[in-house]
C-alpha atoms as a PDB file:
ATOM      1  CA  MET A   1     -11.003  15.947  33.578  1.00  0.00           C
ATOM      2  CA  ASP A   2      -8.343  17.036  31.306  1.00  0.00           C
ATOM      3  CA  GLN A   3      -8.283  15.501  27.474  1.00  0.00           C
ATOM      4  CA  LYS A   4      -5.464  13.013  28.349  1.00  0.00           C
ATOM      5  CA  ALA A   5      -7.420  11.650  31.305  1.00  0.00           C
ATOM      6  CA  MET A   6     -10.453  11.276  29.452  1.00  0.00           C
ATOM      7  CA  VAL A   7      -8.596   9.489  26.373  1.00  0.00           C
ATOM      8  CA  GLU A   8      -6.889   7.016  28.794  1.00  0.00           C
ATOM      9  CA  GLU A   9      -9.981   6.238  30.545  1.00  0.00           C
ATOM     10  CA  GLU A  10     -11.890   5.574  27.015  1.00  0.00           C
ATOM     11  CA  ILE A  11      -8.886   3.529  26.097  1.00  0.00           C
ATOM     12  CA  ILE A  12      -9.144   1.136  29.066  1.00  0.00           C
ATOM     13  CA  THR A  13     -12.600   0.629  28.768  1.00  0.00           C
ATOM     14  CA  LEU A  14     -12.341  -0.096  25.255  1.00  0.00           C
ATOM     15  CA  LEU A  15      -9.453  -2.504  26.250  1.00  0.00           C
ATOM     16  CA  LYS A  16     -11.590  -4.262  28.644  1.00  0.00           C
ATOM     17  CA  GLU A  17     -13.646  -5.358  26.335  1.00  0.00           C
ATOM     18  CA  GLY A  18     -10.690  -7.239  24.264  1.00  0.00           C
ATOM     19  CA  SER A  19      -7.804  -6.119  22.511  1.00  0.00           C
ATOM     20  CA  LEU A  20      -7.886  -3.822  19.429  1.00  0.00           C
ATOM     21  CA  THR A  21      -5.187  -2.128  16.796  1.00  0.00           C
ATOM     22  CA  SER A  22      -4.619   1.608  17.604  1.00  0.00           C
ATOM     23  CA  THR A  23      -6.525   2.206  14.263  1.00  0.00           C
ATOM     24  CA  GLU A  24      -9.662   0.586  15.686  1.00  0.00           C
ATOM     25  CA  ILE A  25      -8.977   2.479  18.960  1.00  0.00           C
ATOM     26  CA  MET A  26      -8.703   5.974  17.446  1.00  0.00           C
ATOM     27  CA  GLU A  27     -11.622   5.222  15.705  1.00  0.00           C
ATOM     28  CA  LYS A  28     -13.923   4.111  18.819  1.00  0.00           C
ATOM     29  CA  VAL A  29     -12.371   7.103  20.696  1.00  0.00           C
ATOM     30  CA  ILE A  30     -13.247   9.454  18.123  1.00  0.00           C
ATOM     31  CA  ARG A  31     -16.536   8.068  17.552  1.00  0.00           C
ATOM     32  CA  LYS A  32     -17.289   8.383  21.125  1.00  0.00           C
ATOM     33  CA  GLY A  33     -17.161  12.179  20.964  1.00  0.00           C
ATOM     34  CA  ILE A  34     -13.879  12.642  22.693  1.00  0.00           C
ATOM     35  CA  ASP A  35     -12.330  16.012  21.298  1.00  0.00           C
ATOM     36  CA  ALA A  36      -9.333  14.677  20.358  1.00  0.00           C
ATOM     37  CA  THR A  37      -6.693  14.177  17.063  1.00  0.00           C
ATOM     38  CA  ALA A  38      -5.462  10.671  15.882  1.00  0.00           C
ATOM     39  CA  GLU A  39      -1.827  12.222  17.149  1.00  0.00           C
ATOM     40  CA  ASP A  40      -3.194  13.076  20.422  1.00  0.00           C
ATOM     41  CA  ILE A  41      -4.718   9.343  21.072  1.00  0.00           C
ATOM     42  CA  ARG A  42      -1.269   7.567  19.666  1.00  0.00           C
ATOM     43  CA  GLN A  43       0.246   9.505  22.191  1.00  0.00           C
ATOM     44  CA  VAL A  44      -1.412   8.556  25.150  1.00  0.00           C
ATOM     45  CA  LEU A  45      -1.851   5.178  23.740  1.00  0.00           C
ATOM     46  CA  ALA A  46       2.263   5.270  23.511  1.00  0.00           C
ATOM     47  CA  ASP A  47       2.517   6.870  27.317  1.00  0.00           C
ATOM     48  CA  MET A  48       0.623   4.008  28.352  1.00  0.00           C
ATOM     49  CA  VAL A  49       2.570   1.190  27.076  1.00  0.00           C
ATOM     50  CA  ARG A  50       5.657   3.134  28.505  1.00  0.00           C
ATOM     51  CA  GLU A  51       3.975   3.184  32.017  1.00  0.00           C
ATOM     52  CA  GLY A  52       2.651  -0.495  31.931  1.00  0.00           C
ATOM     53  CA  LYS A  53      -0.551  -0.060  32.060  1.00  0.00           C
ATOM     54  CA  VAL A  54      -1.199  -1.554  27.919  1.00  0.00           C
ATOM     55  CA  ASN A  55       0.802  -3.981  26.296  1.00  0.00           C
ATOM     56  CA  LYS A  56       1.271  -4.554  22.758  1.00  0.00           C
ATOM     57  CA  LYS A  57       2.350  -7.549  20.532  1.00  0.00           C
ATOM     58  CA  VAL A  58       2.355  -8.004  16.858  1.00  0.00           C
ATOM     59  CA  ASP A  59      -0.357  -9.378  14.904  1.00  0.00           C
ATOM     60  CA  TYR A  60       1.410 -10.742  11.772  1.00  0.00           C
ATOM     61  CA  ASP A  61      -1.572 -11.348   9.859  1.00  0.00           C
ATOM     62  CA  LYS A  62      -2.686  -7.975  10.003  1.00  0.00           C
ATOM     63  CA  LYS A  63       0.513  -6.203   9.834  1.00  0.00           C
ATOM     64  CA  LYS A  64      -0.176  -4.130  12.845  1.00  0.00           C
ATOM     65  CA  PHE A  65       0.301  -3.807  16.793  1.00  0.00           C
ATOM     66  CA  ILE A  66      -2.315  -5.361  18.733  1.00  0.00           C
ATOM     67  CA  PHE A  67      -2.595  -3.327  22.183  1.00  0.00           C
ATOM     68  CA  TYR A  68      -4.500  -5.462  25.355  1.00  0.00           C
ATOM     69  CA  LEU A  69      -4.540  -4.277  29.106  1.00  0.00           C
ATOM     70  CA  ASN A  70      -1.560  -5.517  31.350  1.00  0.00           C
ATOM     71  CA  VAL A  71      -2.934  -8.060  33.367  1.00  0.00           C
ATOM     72  CA  GLU A  72      -1.509  -6.432  36.394  1.00  0.00           C
ATOM     73  CA  SER A  73      -2.905  -3.119  36.153  1.00  0.00           C
END
């Protein structure tokens, strides 16, 4: 399994547990021991949003985007 696929799989696993900010996702993916930079993780997350696998909304209190799984995925 290539790095992008591993990161994508881990993001899906994390978001099944609940919505997270990109910072929270990055911290958890890196803590999991997956060899990826913050930029790699951001790129995979952006691709997943464009592909419709993940949705994002603004959390005005945190002033950050919150990412969550697309129900149709």
